[in-house]
């Protein structure tokens, strides 16, 4: 979890793509309103906030599904997702509050989507995990074929922004299915699954040091944050007879929401400082 500019997940720059591919179907000048819509300073605070949102999405989805009619819960999740993405697409530049609100809603809806496939459609987690992995691969291939790069530093057009959020949504669904696969189908339990993914998320960091492409390392880690956060959140929220601490999905969701507000508040302050430094810089 290094600072941007050092070896790590964050150096997902467009320069990682071979020269000819970088220019395929790329506008000569990016529209100003589409520039800087996602965070590119990938620090430990980014990863911490991401893990918190995955946990909150998991427990919030479970809480809504039990407290409300499943159809009503699904409608709330879908409306929240659409509303959050509309805000994100319409904002002229990166806003930490709007961006992370969109991530939270993607987390909630992505959890619901994976659960619907299993609970309602009856698809085993092993099958849905593979299916979502294939879907993610399709999205990434389509994105790369269209734009020549998967770098988060290259989100400079509306089309790339749409590819970005399609990828994010798919990673949440995949991570949810994968986490439930290890905890339930493979009988590891929530806490053991959390430990498993804690170890697993270190792999792309080590691979990056050994020469793995930064873009691949970033998205690899991004997928793993989902089952990591969700596993520990489930462990805290589910009843003791299911291997959890029994704190309840509602209280856990509220606690995680409070932590997310603190984390995003810090990121917002850092973002304002960065903007101020850029504006006062002689090179800005």
Protein backbone atom coordinates (compact mmCIF):
# COMPACT_ATOMS: atom_id res chain seq x y z
CA UNK A 1 0.00 0.00 0.00
CA UNK A 2 2.55 2.52 -1.10
CA UNK A 3 2.09 6.16 -1.82
CA UNK A 4 1.44 7.12 -5.39
CA UNK A 5 4.68 7.56 -7.24
CA UNK A 6 6.32 4.58 -5.52
CA UNK A 7 6.17 0.92 -6.56
CA UNK A 8 2.75 -0.42 -5.70
CA UNK A 9 -0.85 -0.73 -6.78
CA UNK A 10 -1.19 2.99 -7.45
CA UNK A 11 1.20 3.37 -10.36
CA UNK A 12 -1.42 2.30 -12.89
CA UNK A 13 -0.28 4.75 -15.51
CA UNK A 14 -1.17 4.81 -19.15
CA UNK A 15 2.51 4.49 -19.99
CA UNK A 16 2.31 0.80 -19.06
CA UNK A 17 0.49 0.22 -22.35
CA UNK A 18 2.50 -0.32 -25.55
CA UNK A 19 2.79 2.84 -27.62
CA UNK A 20 0.51 2.05 -30.57
CA UNK A 21 -2.31 0.79 -28.35
CA UNK A 22 -2.31 3.93 -26.22
CA UNK A 23 -3.50 6.00 -29.14
CA UNK A 24 -6.23 3.72 -30.42
CA UNK A 25 -9.55 5.57 -30.55
CA UNK A 26 -8.31 8.07 -27.96
CA UNK A 27 -9.44 11.69 -28.40
CA UNK A 28 -6.70 14.21 -29.15
CA UNK A 29 -7.89 16.39 -26.28
CA UNK A 30 -9.89 15.08 -23.34
CA UNK A 31 -12.99 17.04 -22.41
CA UNK A 32 -12.33 19.21 -19.37
CA UNK A 33 -15.50 18.05 -17.62
CA UNK A 34 -14.39 14.40 -17.78
CA UNK A 35 -10.89 14.95 -16.39
CA UNK A 36 -9.95 13.88 -12.89
CA UNK A 37 -13.14 12.01 -11.96
CA UNK A 38 -11.55 9.21 -9.90
CA UNK A 39 -8.78 9.20 -7.27
CA UNK A 40 -5.30 8.67 -8.67
CA UNK A 41 -3.33 9.20 -5.46
CA UNK A 42 -3.52 5.58 -4.31
CA UNK A 43 -2.36 5.57 -0.70
CA UNK A 44 -2.99 3.40 2.33
CA UNK A 45 -6.01 5.60 3.09
CA UNK A 46 -7.51 4.68 -0.28
CA UNK A 47 -7.21 0.96 0.44
CA UNK A 48 -8.50 1.36 4.00
CA UNK A 49 -11.56 3.25 2.77
CA UNK A 50 -12.13 0.69 0.03
CA UNK A 51 -12.08 -2.19 2.53
CA UNK A 52 -14.50 -0.33 4.82
CA UNK A 53 -16.95 0.19 1.94
CA UNK A 54 -16.84 -3.49 1.05
CA UNK A 55 -17.70 -4.46 4.60
CA UNK A 56 -20.48 -1.92 4.85
CA UNK A 57 -21.94 -3.01 1.51
CA UNK A 58 -22.06 -6.61 2.68
CA UNK A 59 -23.75 -6.00 6.03
CA UNK A 60 -26.08 -3.29 4.71
CA UNK A 61 -27.30 -5.56 1.94
CA UNK A 62 -27.88 -8.37 4.45
CA UNK A 63 -29.67 -6.03 6.86
CA UNK A 64 -31.99 -4.63 4.18
CA UNK A 65 -32.71 -8.11 2.86
CA UNK A 66 -33.86 -9.28 6.29
CA UNK A 67 -35.59 -6.12 7.48
CA UNK A 68 -37.54 -5.50 4.27
CA UNK A 69 -39.21 -7.43 1.51
CA UNK A 70 -36.40 -8.61 -0.82
CA UNK A 71 -38.00 -6.80 -3.77
CA UNK A 72 -38.16 -3.54 -1.80
CA UNK A 73 -34.57 -3.98 -0.62
CA UNK A 74 -33.47 -4.59 -4.21
CA UNK A 75 -35.32 -1.51 -5.41
CA UNK A 76 -33.63 0.61 -2.73
CA UNK A 77 -30.24 -0.74 -3.73
CA UNK A 78 -30.86 -0.11 -7.43
CA UNK A 79 -32.22 3.40 -6.91
CA UNK A 80 -29.31 4.24 -4.63
CA UNK A 81 -26.85 2.96 -7.22
CA UNK A 82 -28.44 4.89 -10.08
CA UNK A 83 -28.64 8.08 -8.03
CA UNK A 84 -25.03 7.82 -6.86
CA UNK A 85 -23.71 7.15 -10.37
CA UNK A 86 -25.72 10.03 -11.79
CA UNK A 87 -24.09 12.32 -9.25
CA UNK A 88 -20.68 10.88 -10.09
CA UNK A 89 -21.11 11.24 -13.85
CA UNK A 90 -22.48 14.79 -13.59
CA UNK A 91 -19.89 16.21 -11.22
CA UNK A 92 -17.29 18.15 -13.25
CA UNK A 93 -14.29 16.76 -11.37
CA UNK A 94 -13.27 14.32 -8.66
CA UNK A 95 -15.17 14.83 -5.40
CA UNK A 96 -14.16 12.45 -2.57
CA UNK A 97 -17.67 12.53 -1.03
CA UNK A 98 -19.49 11.82 -4.29
CA UNK A 99 -16.98 9.24 -5.46
CA UNK A 100 -17.03 7.21 -2.25
CA UNK A 101 -20.81 7.47 -2.00
CA UNK A 102 -20.93 5.86 -5.44
CA UNK A 103 -18.51 3.14 -4.29
CA UNK A 104 -20.68 2.41 -1.24
CA UNK A 105 -23.79 2.05 -3.39
CA UNK A 106 -21.94 -0.14 -5.88
CA UNK A 107 -20.91 -2.28 -2.91
CA UNK A 108 -24.49 -2.60 -1.65
CA UNK A 109 -25.94 -3.37 -5.08
CA UNK A 110 -23.06 -5.66 -6.07
CA UNK A 111 -23.72 -7.72 -2.95
CA UNK A 112 -27.42 -7.89 -3.77
CA UNK A 113 -26.67 -8.97 -7.35
CA UNK A 114 -24.42 -11.81 -6.22
CA UNK A 115 -26.91 -12.90 -3.55
CA UNK A 116 -29.82 -12.88 -6.00
CA UNK A 117 -27.88 -15.17 -8.35
CA UNK A 118 -27.33 -17.64 -5.49
CA UNK A 119 -30.43 -17.37 -3.30
CA UNK A 120 -33.14 -16.78 -5.90
CA UNK A 121 -31.64 -18.34 -9.02
CA UNK A 122 -30.05 -21.17 -7.05
CA UNK A 123 -26.65 -20.86 -8.74
CA UNK A 124 -23.85 -22.34 -6.57
CA UNK A 125 -21.18 -19.87 -5.42
CA UNK A 126 -18.52 -21.88 -7.26
CA UNK A 127 -20.38 -21.33 -10.52
CA UNK A 128 -21.22 -17.66 -9.89
CA UNK A 129 -17.62 -16.93 -8.90
CA UNK A 130 -16.38 -18.30 -12.21
CA UNK A 131 -19.17 -16.53 -14.11
CA UNK A 132 -18.42 -13.15 -12.53
CA UNK A 133 -14.69 -13.69 -13.15
CA UNK A 134 -15.42 -14.31 -16.83
CA UNK A 135 -17.68 -11.24 -16.92
CA UNK A 136 -14.92 -9.13 -15.37
CA UNK A 137 -12.47 -10.42 -17.97
CA UNK A 138 -14.91 -9.50 -20.74
CA UNK A 139 -15.32 -5.97 -19.38
CA UNK A 140 -11.56 -5.49 -19.04
CA UNK A 141 -10.87 -6.84 -22.52
CA UNK A 142 -13.55 -4.59 -24.02
CA UNK A 143 -12.15 -1.60 -22.13
CA UNK A 144 -8.59 -2.31 -23.29
CA UNK A 145 -9.60 -2.97 -26.89
CA UNK A 146 -11.53 0.29 -26.96
CA UNK A 147 -9.09 2.53 -25.10
CA UNK A 148 -5.71 0.81 -25.20
CA UNK A 149 -5.22 1.08 -21.43
CA UNK A 150 -6.84 0.07 -18.14
CA UNK A 151 -4.99 2.69 -16.13
CA UNK A 152 -6.92 4.65 -13.51
CA UNK A 153 -4.73 7.60 -14.48
CA UNK A 154 -6.33 7.61 -17.92
CA UNK A 155 -9.99 8.20 -16.94
CA UNK A 156 -10.21 11.32 -19.10
CA UNK A 157 -13.37 10.69 -21.13
CA UNK A 158 -16.96 9.74 -20.41
CA UNK A 159 -16.49 6.42 -22.20
CA UNK A 160 -13.53 5.51 -20.01
CA UNK A 161 -15.47 6.54 -16.95
CA UNK A 162 -18.29 4.18 -17.93
CA UNK A 163 -15.80 1.33 -18.40
CA UNK A 164 -14.29 2.15 -15.01
CA UNK A 165 -17.58 1.89 -13.14
CA UNK A 166 -18.63 -1.24 -15.04
CA UNK A 167 -15.36 -2.80 -13.88
CA UNK A 168 -15.88 -1.64 -10.29
CA UNK A 169 -19.41 -3.08 -10.18
CA UNK A 170 -18.24 -6.41 -11.59
CA UNK A 171 -15.37 -6.65 -9.09
CA UNK A 172 -17.83 -6.20 -6.22
CA UNK A 173 -20.09 -8.98 -7.49
CA UNK A 174 -17.11 -11.26 -8.06
CA UNK A 175 -15.65 -10.53 -4.63
CA UNK A 176 -18.97 -11.18 -2.92
CA UNK A 177 -19.39 -14.56 -4.61
CA UNK A 178 -15.77 -15.49 -3.91
CA UNK A 179 -16.04 -14.57 -0.23
CA UNK A 180 -19.24 -16.56 0.21
CA UNK A 181 -17.61 -19.47 -1.62
CA UNK A 182 -14.73 -19.69 0.85
CA UNK A 183 -16.82 -18.99 3.95
CA UNK A 184 -19.80 -21.19 3.10
CA UNK A 185 -19.14 -23.72 0.35
CA UNK A 186 -15.57 -24.45 1.45
CA UNK A 187 -16.57 -24.21 5.15
CA UNK A 188 -13.72 -21.90 6.14
CA UNK A 189 -16.02 -19.60 8.07
CA UNK A 190 -15.99 -15.81 7.96
CA UNK A 191 -12.98 -15.13 10.18
CA UNK A 192 -10.76 -17.71 8.48
CA UNK A 193 -11.86 -16.37 5.09
CA UNK A 194 -10.88 -12.88 6.22
CA UNK A 195 -7.44 -14.12 7.20
CA UNK A 196 -7.11 -15.94 3.88
CA UNK A 197 -7.85 -12.79 1.88
CA UNK A 198 -5.59 -10.72 4.14
CA UNK A 199 -2.73 -12.94 3.01
CA UNK A 200 -3.98 -13.03 -0.58
CA UNK A 201 -4.08 -9.25 -0.95
CA UNK A 202 -0.36 -9.10 -0.16
CA UNK A 203 0.38 -11.23 -3.23
CA UNK A 204 -0.13 -8.49 -5.85
CA UNK A 205 2.03 -6.13 -3.75
CA UNK A 206 4.86 -8.67 -3.72
CA UNK A 207 4.28 -9.45 -7.40
CA UNK A 208 4.49 -5.73 -8.18
CA UNK A 209 7.90 -5.50 -6.49
CA UNK A 210 8.97 -8.50 -8.59
CA UNK A 211 7.94 -6.74 -11.81
CA UNK A 212 4.21 -7.28 -12.27
CA UNK A 213 2.53 -4.60 -14.38
CA UNK A 214 1.15 -1.87 -12.10
CA UNK A 215 -2.28 -1.86 -13.74
CA UNK A 216 -2.66 -5.62 -13.25
CA UNK A 217 -1.48 -5.34 -9.63
CA UNK A 218 -3.99 -2.58 -8.91
CA UNK A 219 -7.04 -4.39 -10.27
CA UNK A 220 -5.94 -7.69 -8.71
CA UNK A 221 -5.81 -6.02 -5.30
CA UNK A 222 -9.03 -4.14 -5.99
CA UNK A 223 -10.92 -7.40 -6.50
CA UNK A 224 -9.51 -8.90 -3.30
CA UNK A 225 -10.58 -5.97 -1.11
CA UNK A 226 -14.16 -7.08 -1.58
CA UNK A 227 -14.02 -10.55 0.04
CA UNK A 228 -11.49 -9.23 2.57
CA UNK A 229 -13.78 -6.51 3.95
CA UNK A 230 -16.96 -8.52 3.55
CA UNK A 231 -15.59 -11.57 5.37
CA UNK A 232 -14.62 -9.62 8.48
CA UNK A 233 -17.85 -7.59 8.39
CA UNK A 234 -19.89 -10.80 8.19
CA UNK A 235 -17.88 -12.27 11.05
CA UNK A 236 -18.76 -9.28 13.22
CA UNK A 237 -22.42 -9.17 12.19
CA UNK A 238 -23.71 -12.74 11.92
CA UNK A 239 -25.01 -14.70 14.95
CA UNK A 240 -22.64 -16.78 17.04
CA UNK A 241 -24.20 -20.05 15.86
CA UNK A 242 -23.02 -19.15 12.35
CA UNK A 243 -19.49 -18.51 13.52
CA UNK A 244 -19.81 -14.74 14.03
CA UNK A 245 -19.62 -12.35 16.96
CA UNK A 246 -23.36 -11.67 16.86
CA UNK A 247 -23.14 -7.87 16.85
CA UNK A 248 -25.88 -7.61 14.23
CA UNK A 249 -25.66 -6.44 10.62
CA UNK A 250 -27.44 -3.17 11.41
CA UNK A 251 -25.04 -1.98 14.14
CA UNK A 252 -22.01 -3.15 12.15
CA UNK A 253 -23.24 -1.22 9.10
CA UNK A 254 -23.65 1.95 11.17
CA UNK A 255 -20.20 1.57 12.73
CA UNK A 256 -18.59 1.05 9.34
CA UNK A 257 -20.51 4.02 7.93
CA UNK A 258 -19.07 6.21 10.69
CA UNK A 259 -15.54 5.01 9.94
CA UNK A 260 -16.08 5.66 6.23
CA UNK A 261 -17.18 9.24 6.98
CA UNK A 262 -13.97 9.78 8.98
CA UNK A 263 -11.79 8.24 6.25
CA UNK A 264 -13.45 10.16 3.41
CA UNK A 265 -13.24 13.34 5.48
CA UNK A 266 -9.50 12.85 5.72
CA UNK A 267 -9.24 12.14 1.98
CA UNK A 268 -11.27 15.27 1.24
CA UNK A 269 -8.94 17.41 3.34
CA UNK A 270 -5.90 15.91 1.61
CA UNK A 271 -7.53 16.49 -1.77
CA UNK A 272 -8.13 20.16 -0.98
CA UNK A 273 -4.53 20.54 0.17
CA UNK A 274 -3.30 18.94 -3.05
CA UNK A 275 -5.48 21.25 -5.14
CA UNK A 276 -4.28 24.28 -3.22
CA UNK A 277 -0.64 23.25 -3.68
CA UNK A 278 -1.20 22.76 -7.41
CA UNK A 279 -2.85 26.14 -7.80
CA UNK A 280 -0.02 27.95 -5.99
CA UNK A 281 2.77 26.03 -7.70
CA UNK A 282 4.72 27.97 -10.36
CA UNK A 283 4.21 24.97 -12.63
CA UNK A 284 0.46 24.67 -11.87
